[in-house]
Each structure stands twice: as C-alpha cells, then as structure tokens.
C-alpha cells in the first residue's frame, strides 16, 4: 500500500504545473490609471460646467421672456382701460340731446317738424 500512495503522490505532484502570472510593471499601470483618472476627472468637470452654463442660459432666457410677458400684460391692461374710457366718451358725445344743445349754441334754430298732409285721390 505504501507504494501505491507514493505513485499517487507522484502523479498528483507531476500533473500540477506552476501557473506563471504575467509580469506587470506597477509603475506603468499606475501612471496610465492616474492619467486616465485625471482625464476622466477633467472631462466630468468640463461636462458639469457645460451643463451648468446651459441651465443658466436657459434660465436667463426664460426670465427675459417672463419679463416681456409681464410688460405686455400691463400694456394690454392699460390699453383696455383707455379703450373703455374712450368708448364711454364717444357714447356720451353721440347722444342726440347733446348734439341738439351744441347745435343751438352754435346758432342753429330748432324748427318743429312740419307735417304735410296729402289728400288722397280716391
């Protein structure tokens, strides 16, 4: 039995081969990781600044549009009030009694309407 154990031990030890790991130069890998890390960091910073700039620009445009809308709404309200005032004034000036008084002031004479009766031919 002892012989059998030795042969198994030899077979088991001869079948396993040491695994060689590839040689990696830590300095080169760390330098490339650092360069990649710095490049990605700057890319993120630039992207963040670009997004902030875009949002700020759009906010300024929206604010300017809101200002214009408010200004136009106040102009509409003042114009509507002025139109209502002018319409009331025109209605007042159109009244027949006022027109008659103004005509009499200006020297016109009011004559009662004359009715002409026509005879019938029947």
Protein backbone atom coordinates (compact mmCIF):
# COMPACT_ATOMS: atom_id res chain seq x y z
CA UNK A 1 0.00 0.00 0.00
CA UNK A 2 2.80 2.31 0.69
CA UNK A 3 3.89 2.02 -2.86
CA UNK A 4 0.56 2.90 -4.13
CA UNK A 5 0.48 6.05 -2.09
CA UNK A 6 3.84 7.12 -3.48
CA UNK A 7 2.72 6.71 -7.07
CA UNK A 8 -0.44 8.69 -6.42
CA UNK A 9 1.60 11.37 -4.78
CA UNK A 10 3.98 11.48 -7.76
CA UNK A 11 1.15 11.59 -10.26
CA UNK A 12 -0.63 14.29 -8.31
CA UNK A 13 2.51 16.37 -7.97
CA UNK A 14 3.64 15.89 -11.55
CA UNK A 15 0.26 16.88 -13.02
CA UNK A 16 0.13 20.24 -11.39
CA UNK A 17 2.23 22.83 -13.11
CA UNK A 18 3.01 26.14 -11.54
CA UNK A 19 0.94 28.99 -13.02
CA UNK A 20 3.04 31.85 -14.13
CA UNK A 21 1.48 35.23 -13.71
CA UNK A 22 2.24 37.83 -16.33
CA UNK A 23 4.65 40.38 -15.18
CA UNK A 24 3.01 43.76 -14.77
CA UNK A 25 5.07 46.78 -14.14
CA UNK A 26 3.24 48.53 -11.36
CA UNK A 27 4.72 51.90 -12.18
CA UNK A 28 3.44 51.86 -15.80
CA UNK A 29 -0.03 50.68 -14.81
CA UNK A 30 -0.35 53.20 -12.02
CA UNK A 31 0.79 56.03 -14.30
CA UNK A 32 -1.73 55.11 -17.01
CA UNK A 33 -4.50 54.79 -14.39
CA UNK A 34 -3.56 58.17 -12.99
CA UNK A 35 -3.60 59.71 -16.48
CA UNK A 36 -6.96 58.10 -17.24
CA UNK A 37 -8.30 59.22 -13.86
CA UNK A 38 -7.16 62.81 -14.44
CA UNK A 39 -8.57 62.85 -17.98
CA UNK A 40 -11.93 61.49 -16.85
CA UNK A 41 -11.99 63.93 -13.94
CA UNK A 42 -11.40 66.89 -16.27
CA UNK A 43 -13.97 65.54 -18.72
CA UNK A 44 -16.50 65.40 -15.87
CA UNK A 45 -15.60 68.91 -14.74
CA UNK A 46 -15.96 70.27 -18.28
CA UNK A 47 -19.26 68.42 -18.77
CA UNK A 48 -20.52 69.77 -15.44
CA UNK A 49 -19.57 73.33 -16.36
CA UNK A 50 -21.25 72.92 -19.77
CA UNK A 51 -24.46 71.64 -18.17
CA UNK A 52 -24.41 74.48 -15.62
CA UNK A 53 -23.84 77.03 -18.41
CA UNK A 54 -26.72 75.56 -20.46
CA UNK A 55 -29.09 75.64 -17.48
CA UNK A 56 -28.06 79.20 -16.58
CA UNK A 57 -28.55 80.37 -20.17
CA UNK A 58 -31.96 78.76 -20.44
CA UNK A 59 -32.96 80.25 -17.07
CA UNK A 60 -31.92 83.71 -18.27
CA UNK A 61 -33.93 83.29 -21.48
CA UNK A 62 -36.99 82.15 -19.54
CA UNK A 63 -36.62 85.09 -17.14
CA UNK A 64 -36.37 87.55 -20.05
CA UNK A 65 -39.44 86.01 -21.69
CA UNK A 66 -41.39 86.25 -18.41
CA UNK A 67 -40.39 89.91 -18.11
CA UNK A 68 -41.63 90.61 -21.64
CA UNK A 69 -44.89 88.77 -20.94
CA UNK A 70 -45.48 90.78 -17.75
CA UNK A 71 -44.70 94.02 -19.56
CA UNK A 72 -47.08 93.16 -22.42
CA UNK A 73 -49.84 92.18 -19.98
CA UNK A 74 -49.56 95.53 -18.20
CA UNK A 75 -49.67 97.32 -21.58
CA UNK A 76 -52.78 95.33 -22.53
CA UNK A 77 -54.48 96.28 -19.26
CA UNK A 78 -53.71 99.99 -19.67
CA UNK A 79 -54.83 99.93 -23.32
CA UNK A 80 -58.06 98.15 -22.37
CA UNK A 81 -58.77 100.77 -19.71
CA UNK A 82 -58.07 103.58 -22.19
CA UNK A 83 -60.33 101.94 -24.81
CA UNK A 84 -63.15 101.64 -22.27
CA UNK A 85 -62.76 105.30 -21.31
CA UNK A 86 -62.78 106.42 -24.94
CA UNK A 87 -65.82 104.26 -25.75
CA UNK A 88 -67.73 105.84 -22.85
CA UNK A 89 -66.74 109.31 -24.07
CA UNK A 90 -67.85 108.54 -27.64
CA UNK A 91 -71.21 107.24 -26.38
CA UNK A 92 -71.66 110.42 -24.36
CA UNK A 93 -70.80 112.62 -27.35
CA UNK A 94 -73.17 110.72 -29.64
CA UNK A 95 -76.27 111.43 -27.54
CA UNK A 96 -78.90 113.30 -29.60
CA UNK A 97 -79.75 115.71 -26.77
CA UNK A 98 -76.11 116.79 -26.53
CA UNK A 99 -75.93 117.23 -30.31
CA UNK A 100 -79.08 119.40 -30.26
CA UNK A 101 -77.73 121.55 -27.42
CA UNK A 102 -74.44 122.04 -29.25
CA UNK A 103 -76.25 122.98 -32.46
CA UNK A 104 -78.38 125.53 -30.62
CA UNK A 105 -75.24 127.00 -29.02
CA UNK A 106 -73.68 127.36 -32.43
CA UNK A 107 -76.69 129.38 -33.70
CA UNK A 108 -78.87 126.75 -35.26
CA UNK A 109 -82.62 127.20 -34.90
CA UNK A 110 -84.83 124.32 -33.98
CA UNK A 111 -87.88 124.17 -36.15
CA UNK A 112 -90.72 121.94 -35.31
CA UNK A 113 -91.19 119.36 -37.94
CA UNK A 114 -93.84 120.28 -40.43
CA UNK A 115 -96.27 117.62 -41.40
CA UNK A 116 -97.62 117.83 -44.89
CA UNK A 117 -100.92 116.18 -45.35
CA UNK A 118 -101.55 114.94 -48.76
CA UNK A 119 -105.01 114.41 -49.98
CA UNK A 120 -105.97 111.08 -51.21
CA UNK A 121 -107.01 110.72 -54.81
CA UNK A 122 -109.58 108.10 -54.20
